[in-house]
Amino acid sequence: MPAALAAYDRQRRPRSQAVAVASWRAGRFGQQLRHPAAVALRNGLLRLTPARVALRSMARYADWQPPAGP
């Protein structure tokens, strides 16, 4: 069992780390803003982002296949 878990971890770790980094970056996008004008600008830019662009940027994380078993 320990060997199987280690193999699973080796297969999954690169993707899980990429998801964590993407989440961190998304969270950083303007979260440090305090000035009302800057917050309004950020919110306006996000509203203007076409849905297909936002969905395409998330698709790589949603289109996941689990690692193959032994």
N, C-alpha and C. Protein backbone atom coordinates (compact mmCIF):
# COMPACT_ATOMS: atom_id res chain seq x y z
N MET A 1 0.82 -1.20 0.00
CA MET A 1 0.00 0.00 0.00
C MET A 1 0.86 1.27 0.00
N PRO A 2 1.91 1.35 0.81
CA PRO A 2 2.73 2.57 0.78
C PRO A 2 3.32 2.85 -0.60
N ALA A 3 3.74 1.81 -1.31
CA ALA A 3 4.30 2.01 -2.64
C ALA A 3 3.23 2.52 -3.60
N ALA A 4 2.03 2.00 -3.51
CA ALA A 4 0.94 2.45 -4.38
C ALA A 4 0.58 3.91 -4.10
N LEU A 5 0.53 4.28 -2.84
CA LEU A 5 0.24 5.67 -2.48
C LEU A 5 1.34 6.61 -2.96
N ALA A 6 2.58 6.18 -2.84
CA ALA A 6 3.70 7.00 -3.31
C ALA A 6 3.63 7.18 -4.83
N ALA A 7 3.29 6.12 -5.56
CA ALA A 7 3.17 6.22 -7.02
C ALA A 7 2.03 7.17 -7.39
N TYR A 8 0.92 7.04 -6.70
CA TYR A 8 -0.22 7.92 -6.95
C TYR A 8 0.17 9.37 -6.69
N ASP A 9 0.88 9.60 -5.61
CA ASP A 9 1.33 10.95 -5.28
C ASP A 9 2.25 11.50 -6.36
N ARG A 10 3.16 10.69 -6.86
CA ARG A 10 4.09 11.14 -7.92
C ARG A 10 3.32 11.51 -9.19
N GLN A 11 2.26 10.75 -9.50
CA GLN A 11 1.49 11.03 -10.70
C GLN A 11 0.61 12.27 -10.52
N ARG A 12 0.11 12.47 -9.36
CA ARG A 12 -0.88 13.52 -9.14
C ARG A 12 -0.27 14.85 -8.69
N ARG A 13 0.87 14.80 -8.06
CA ARG A 13 1.46 16.02 -7.49
C ARG A 13 1.65 17.16 -8.49
N PRO A 14 2.19 16.94 -9.69
CA PRO A 14 2.36 18.07 -10.61
C PRO A 14 1.05 18.80 -10.90
N ARG A 15 -0.03 18.05 -11.13
CA ARG A 15 -1.31 18.70 -11.42
C ARG A 15 -1.85 19.41 -10.19
N SER A 16 -1.79 18.76 -9.04
CA SER A 16 -2.34 19.39 -7.84
C SER A 16 -1.56 20.66 -7.49
N GLN A 17 -0.26 20.65 -7.72
CA GLN A 17 0.52 21.85 -7.46
C GLN A 17 0.18 22.95 -8.47
N ALA A 18 -0.06 22.58 -9.72
CA ALA A 18 -0.45 23.57 -10.73
C ALA A 18 -1.80 24.20 -10.37
N VAL A 19 -2.73 23.39 -9.89
CA VAL A 19 -4.04 23.91 -9.47
C VAL A 19 -3.86 24.86 -8.29
N ALA A 20 -3.01 24.49 -7.34
CA ALA A 20 -2.79 25.34 -6.17
C ALA A 20 -2.16 26.67 -6.57
N VAL A 21 -1.21 26.65 -7.48
CA VAL A 21 -0.56 27.88 -7.94
C VAL A 21 -1.57 28.76 -8.68
N ALA A 22 -2.38 28.14 -9.55
CA ALA A 22 -3.39 28.91 -10.28
C ALA A 22 -4.39 29.54 -9.32
N SER A 23 -4.76 28.80 -8.30
CA SER A 23 -5.69 29.33 -7.30
C SER A 23 -5.06 30.51 -6.55
N TRP A 24 -3.81 30.37 -6.20
CA TRP A 24 -3.11 31.45 -5.50
C TRP A 24 -3.05 32.70 -6.38
N ARG A 25 -2.72 32.51 -7.67
CA ARG A 25 -2.65 33.65 -8.59
C ARG A 25 -4.01 34.32 -8.75
N ALA A 26 -5.05 33.51 -8.89
CA ALA A 26 -6.39 34.08 -9.02
C ALA A 26 -6.78 34.85 -7.77
N GLY A 27 -6.42 34.34 -6.63
CA GLY A 27 -6.72 35.01 -5.38
C GLY A 27 -5.96 36.31 -5.21
N ARG A 28 -4.79 36.37 -5.80
CA ARG A 28 -3.97 37.58 -5.70
C ARG A 28 -4.42 38.68 -6.64
N PHE A 29 -5.22 38.34 -7.65
CA PHE A 29 -5.62 39.32 -8.66
C PHE A 29 -6.49 40.40 -8.02
N GLY A 30 -5.85 41.41 -7.56
CA GLY A 30 -6.57 42.56 -7.04
C GLY A 30 -7.09 42.42 -5.62
N GLN A 31 -6.79 41.33 -4.96
CA GLN A 31 -7.30 41.17 -3.59
C GLN A 31 -6.65 42.13 -2.61
N GLN A 32 -5.49 42.62 -2.96
CA GLN A 32 -4.80 43.54 -2.07
C GLN A 32 -5.27 44.98 -2.26
N LEU A 33 -6.15 45.20 -3.24
CA LEU A 33 -6.62 46.55 -3.52
C LEU A 33 -7.51 47.06 -2.39
N ARG A 34 -7.32 48.30 -2.01
CA ARG A 34 -8.13 48.92 -0.96
C ARG A 34 -8.85 50.17 -1.45
N HIS A 35 -8.23 50.85 -2.41
CA HIS A 35 -8.80 52.10 -2.90
C HIS A 35 -10.07 51.79 -3.70
N PRO A 36 -11.18 52.47 -3.39
CA PRO A 36 -12.45 52.18 -4.07
C PRO A 36 -12.38 52.27 -5.60
N ALA A 37 -11.61 53.21 -6.12
CA ALA A 37 -11.50 53.34 -7.58
C ALA A 37 -10.78 52.13 -8.17
N ALA A 38 -9.75 51.66 -7.49
CA ALA A 38 -9.01 50.49 -7.98
C ALA A 38 -9.88 49.24 -7.92
N VAL A 39 -10.65 49.10 -6.86
CA VAL A 39 -11.57 47.96 -6.73
C VAL A 39 -12.62 48.01 -7.84
N ALA A 40 -13.15 49.19 -8.11
CA ALA A 40 -14.16 49.34 -9.16
C ALA A 40 -13.56 49.00 -10.53
N LEU A 41 -12.34 49.43 -10.77
CA LEU A 41 -11.67 49.12 -12.04
C LEU A 41 -11.48 47.61 -12.19
N ARG A 42 -10.98 46.96 -11.13
CA ARG A 42 -10.81 45.50 -11.17
C ARG A 42 -12.14 44.81 -11.45
N ASN A 43 -13.18 45.20 -10.73
CA ASN A 43 -14.48 44.57 -10.91
C ASN A 43 -15.03 44.81 -12.32
N GLY A 44 -14.81 46.00 -12.84
CA GLY A 44 -15.25 46.28 -14.21
C GLY A 44 -14.52 45.44 -15.23
N LEU A 45 -13.21 45.28 -15.05
CA LEU A 45 -12.43 44.44 -15.97
C LEU A 45 -12.90 43.00 -15.92
N LEU A 46 -13.18 42.52 -14.73
CA LEU A 46 -13.66 41.14 -14.61
C LEU A 46 -15.03 40.97 -15.28
N ARG A 47 -15.90 41.97 -15.16
CA ARG A 47 -17.21 41.89 -15.81
C ARG A 47 -17.09 41.92 -17.32
N LEU A 48 -16.08 42.62 -17.83
CA LEU A 48 -15.89 42.72 -19.28
C LEU A 48 -15.22 41.49 -19.88
N THR A 49 -14.67 40.64 -19.05
CA THR A 49 -14.02 39.43 -19.56
C THR A 49 -15.08 38.51 -20.14
N PRO A 50 -14.95 38.16 -21.42
CA PRO A 50 -15.95 37.26 -22.02
C PRO A 50 -15.99 35.92 -21.28
N ALA A 51 -17.19 35.39 -21.14
CA ALA A 51 -17.36 34.12 -20.42
C ALA A 51 -16.51 33.02 -21.04
N ARG A 52 -16.42 32.97 -22.36
CA ARG A 52 -15.64 31.90 -23.01
C ARG A 52 -14.17 31.97 -22.63
N VAL A 53 -13.66 33.17 -22.41
CA VAL A 53 -12.26 33.32 -22.01
C VAL A 53 -12.07 32.79 -20.59
N ALA A 54 -12.98 33.16 -19.71
CA ALA A 54 -12.89 32.68 -18.33
C ALA A 54 -13.03 31.17 -18.27
N LEU A 55 -13.99 30.63 -19.02
CA LEU A 55 -14.20 29.17 -19.02
C LEU A 55 -13.00 28.44 -19.62
N ARG A 56 -12.42 28.98 -20.66
CA ARG A 56 -11.26 28.35 -21.28
C ARG A 56 -10.09 28.30 -20.30
N SER A 57 -9.93 29.35 -19.50
CA SER A 57 -8.82 29.36 -18.56
C SER A 57 -9.01 28.33 -17.45
N MET A 58 -10.27 27.96 -17.17
CA MET A 58 -10.54 26.97 -16.13
C MET A 58 -10.61 25.55 -16.68
N ALA A 59 -10.78 25.40 -17.99
CA ALA A 59 -11.01 24.08 -18.59
C ALA A 59 -9.87 23.12 -18.32
N ARG A 60 -8.66 23.60 -18.29
CA ARG A 60 -7.52 22.68 -18.09
C ARG A 60 -7.58 21.99 -16.73
N TYR A 61 -8.25 22.61 -15.78
CA TYR A 61 -8.36 22.00 -14.46
C TYR A 61 -9.59 21.11 -14.35
N ALA A 62 -10.62 21.43 -15.12
CA ALA A 62 -11.84 20.63 -15.07
C ALA A 62 -11.72 19.36 -15.91
N ASP A 63 -10.91 19.40 -16.94
CA ASP A 63 -10.74 18.26 -17.84
C ASP A 63 -9.63 17.37 -17.30
N TRP A 64 -9.93 16.65 -16.25
CA TRP A 64 -8.93 15.84 -15.55
C TRP A 64 -9.31 14.37 -15.61
N GLN A 65 -8.33 13.56 -15.81
CA GLN A 65 -8.51 12.10 -15.76
C GLN A 65 -7.63 11.58 -14.63
N PRO A 66 -8.15 10.72 -13.80
CA PRO A 66 -7.35 10.20 -12.70
C PRO A 66 -6.20 9.36 -13.23
N PRO A 67 -5.11 9.30 -12.47
CA PRO A 67 -3.97 8.47 -12.88
C PRO A 67 -4.41 7.01 -13.04
N ALA A 68 -3.79 6.35 -13.98
CA ALA A 68 -4.10 4.94 -14.23
C ALA A 68 -3.68 4.09 -13.04
N GLY A 69 -4.47 3.10 -12.76
CA GLY A 69 -4.15 2.19 -11.67
C GLY A 69 -3.03 1.22 -12.05
N PRO A 70 -2.58 0.44 -11.09
CA PRO A 70 -1.47 -0.49 -11.37
C PRO A 70 -1.86 -1.60 -12.31
